[in-house]
Amino acid sequence: MTKTRGVQPHTTMFSPSGHSAFSDSKGLIEFVATLRKLSNGKPIGFKLCIGKTSEFENICQGMIAQNCYPNFITVDGTGVGPLEFVDGLEIPYEPALIFVNKTLVRYDRTKIRVIR
């Protein structure tokens, strides 16, 4: 049994495709702003899988429009993700990581750390 999730190794797990605190890119950025206020200076970030590249573009545009940026973005691959991603709609990990990095550079947000 794994310590992190409390499940047997090699067990198929599914994560919900949404978050209860927000439902779109604008809400995500507002949530980041709220966490920043509550964090007492600790780094704030979020984890994502890339399904549609336009959705990440919307997040980048939202960061600029709201002038709110995370300290880091964690790019995840399949494994545990929303069922619709695990079933093949997600961009594989390495191309997704490259896409996120290039998109952030294009939006001139090179100070955001991209981690895996």
Protein backbone atom coordinates (compact mmCIF):
# COMPACT_ATOMS: atom_id res chain seq x y z
CA MET A 1 0.00 0.00 0.00
CA THR A 2 1.36 3.44 -0.89
CA LYS A 3 1.70 6.02 1.87
CA THR A 4 0.61 8.96 -0.29
CA ARG A 5 -2.75 7.71 -1.55
CA GLY A 6 -3.34 4.67 0.63
CA VAL A 7 -3.94 2.33 -2.32
CA GLN A 8 -2.35 -0.85 -3.55
CA PRO A 9 0.38 -0.42 -6.21
CA HIS A 10 -0.81 -0.85 -9.82
CA THR A 11 -4.40 0.06 -8.90
CA THR A 12 -6.19 2.24 -11.46
CA MET A 13 -7.13 5.58 -9.89
CA PHE A 14 -9.18 8.43 -11.33
CA SER A 15 -9.13 12.07 -10.29
CA PRO A 16 -12.05 14.41 -10.85
CA SER A 17 -11.79 16.61 -13.94
CA GLY A 18 -12.75 19.77 -12.08
CA HIS A 19 -12.10 21.62 -8.87
CA SER A 20 -14.80 22.69 -6.43
CA ALA A 21 -13.32 26.19 -6.02
CA PHE A 22 -13.45 27.21 -9.71
CA SER A 23 -14.72 26.10 -13.10
CA ASP A 24 -12.72 28.10 -15.66
CA SER A 25 -9.36 29.79 -16.24
CA LYS A 26 -10.55 33.08 -14.71
CA GLY A 27 -11.62 31.24 -11.57
CA LEU A 28 -8.29 29.40 -11.42
CA ILE A 29 -6.36 32.68 -11.47
CA GLU A 30 -8.69 34.16 -8.84
CA PHE A 31 -8.04 31.06 -6.71
CA VAL A 32 -4.27 31.55 -7.14
CA ALA A 33 -4.71 35.18 -5.98
CA THR A 34 -6.68 34.03 -2.93
CA LEU A 35 -4.05 31.43 -2.04
CA ARG A 36 -1.32 34.03 -2.46
CA LYS A 37 -3.04 36.28 0.11
CA LEU A 38 -3.35 33.36 2.54
CA SER A 39 0.13 31.89 2.02
CA ASN A 40 2.22 34.39 3.99
CA GLY A 41 4.73 34.55 1.14
CA LYS A 42 4.97 30.83 0.42
CA PRO A 43 5.17 29.82 -3.26
CA ILE A 44 1.83 29.26 -4.99
CA GLY A 45 1.29 27.05 -8.01
CA PHE A 46 -0.95 24.52 -9.62
CA LYS A 47 -0.74 21.16 -11.34
CA LEU A 48 -2.31 20.37 -14.69
CA CYS A 49 -2.51 17.95 -17.57
CA ILE A 50 -2.73 19.38 -21.05
CA GLY A 51 -5.77 18.21 -22.96
CA LYS A 52 -6.58 21.11 -25.26
CA THR A 53 -3.75 23.57 -25.83
CA SER A 54 -6.29 26.40 -26.11
CA GLU A 55 -7.22 25.87 -22.46
CA PHE A 56 -3.66 26.57 -21.33
CA GLU A 57 -3.55 29.57 -23.66
CA ASN A 58 -6.68 30.85 -21.84
CA ILE A 59 -4.92 30.41 -18.51
CA CYS A 60 -1.94 32.44 -19.75
CA GLN A 61 -4.21 35.17 -21.07
CA GLY A 62 -6.06 35.17 -17.73
CA MET A 63 -2.81 35.57 -15.80
CA ILE A 64 -1.97 38.63 -17.89
CA ALA A 65 -5.49 40.12 -17.71
CA GLN A 66 -5.66 39.67 -13.93
CA ASN A 67 -1.96 40.44 -13.35
CA CYS A 68 -1.67 37.35 -11.18
CA TYR A 69 0.95 34.68 -11.76
CA PRO A 70 1.78 31.45 -9.95
CA ASN A 71 5.33 30.79 -8.83
CA PHE A 72 5.22 27.38 -10.46
CA ILE A 73 3.16 25.12 -12.70
CA THR A 74 3.48 21.37 -12.39
CA VAL A 75 2.89 19.52 -15.65
CA ASP A 76 1.55 16.02 -15.11
CA GLY A 77 1.15 13.05 -17.39
CA THR A 78 -1.43 10.31 -17.30
CA GLY A 79 -1.35 7.89 -14.39
CA VAL A 80 -3.94 9.47 -12.16
CA GLY A 81 -6.03 12.01 -13.97
CA PRO A 82 -9.54 12.66 -15.11
CA LEU A 83 -10.99 9.61 -16.86
CA GLU A 84 -11.34 11.51 -20.13
CA PHE A 85 -7.58 12.29 -20.08
CA VAL A 86 -6.51 8.77 -19.12
CA ASP A 87 -8.58 7.47 -22.02
CA GLY A 88 -6.34 9.25 -24.51
CA LEU A 89 -7.31 12.90 -24.80
CA GLU A 90 -4.32 14.16 -22.88
CA ILE A 91 -1.17 15.25 -24.68
CA PRO A 92 1.66 12.91 -23.60
CA TYR A 93 3.89 14.23 -20.83
CA GLU A 94 7.01 15.34 -22.74
CA PRO A 95 5.20 17.21 -25.55
CA ALA A 96 2.94 18.80 -22.91
CA LEU A 97 5.95 19.95 -20.88
CA ILE A 98 7.56 21.44 -24.00
CA PHE A 99 4.29 23.13 -24.98
CA VAL A 100 3.82 24.70 -21.54
CA ASN A 101 7.38 26.01 -21.47
CA LYS A 102 7.23 27.45 -25.01
CA THR A 103 3.84 29.03 -24.33
CA LEU A 104 5.08 30.71 -21.16
CA VAL A 105 8.12 32.04 -23.02
CA ARG A 106 5.83 33.36 -25.77
CA TYR A 107 3.77 35.16 -23.11
CA ASP A 108 7.01 36.47 -21.57
CA ARG A 109 6.40 34.70 -18.26
CA THR A 110 9.77 32.99 -17.95
CA LYS A 111 9.84 33.60 -14.19
CA ILE A 112 7.18 30.94 -13.64
CA ARG A 113 8.92 27.67 -12.81
CA VAL A 114 7.75 24.64 -14.76
CA ILE A 115 8.20 21.42 -12.86
CA ARG A 116 7.21 17.79 -13.25
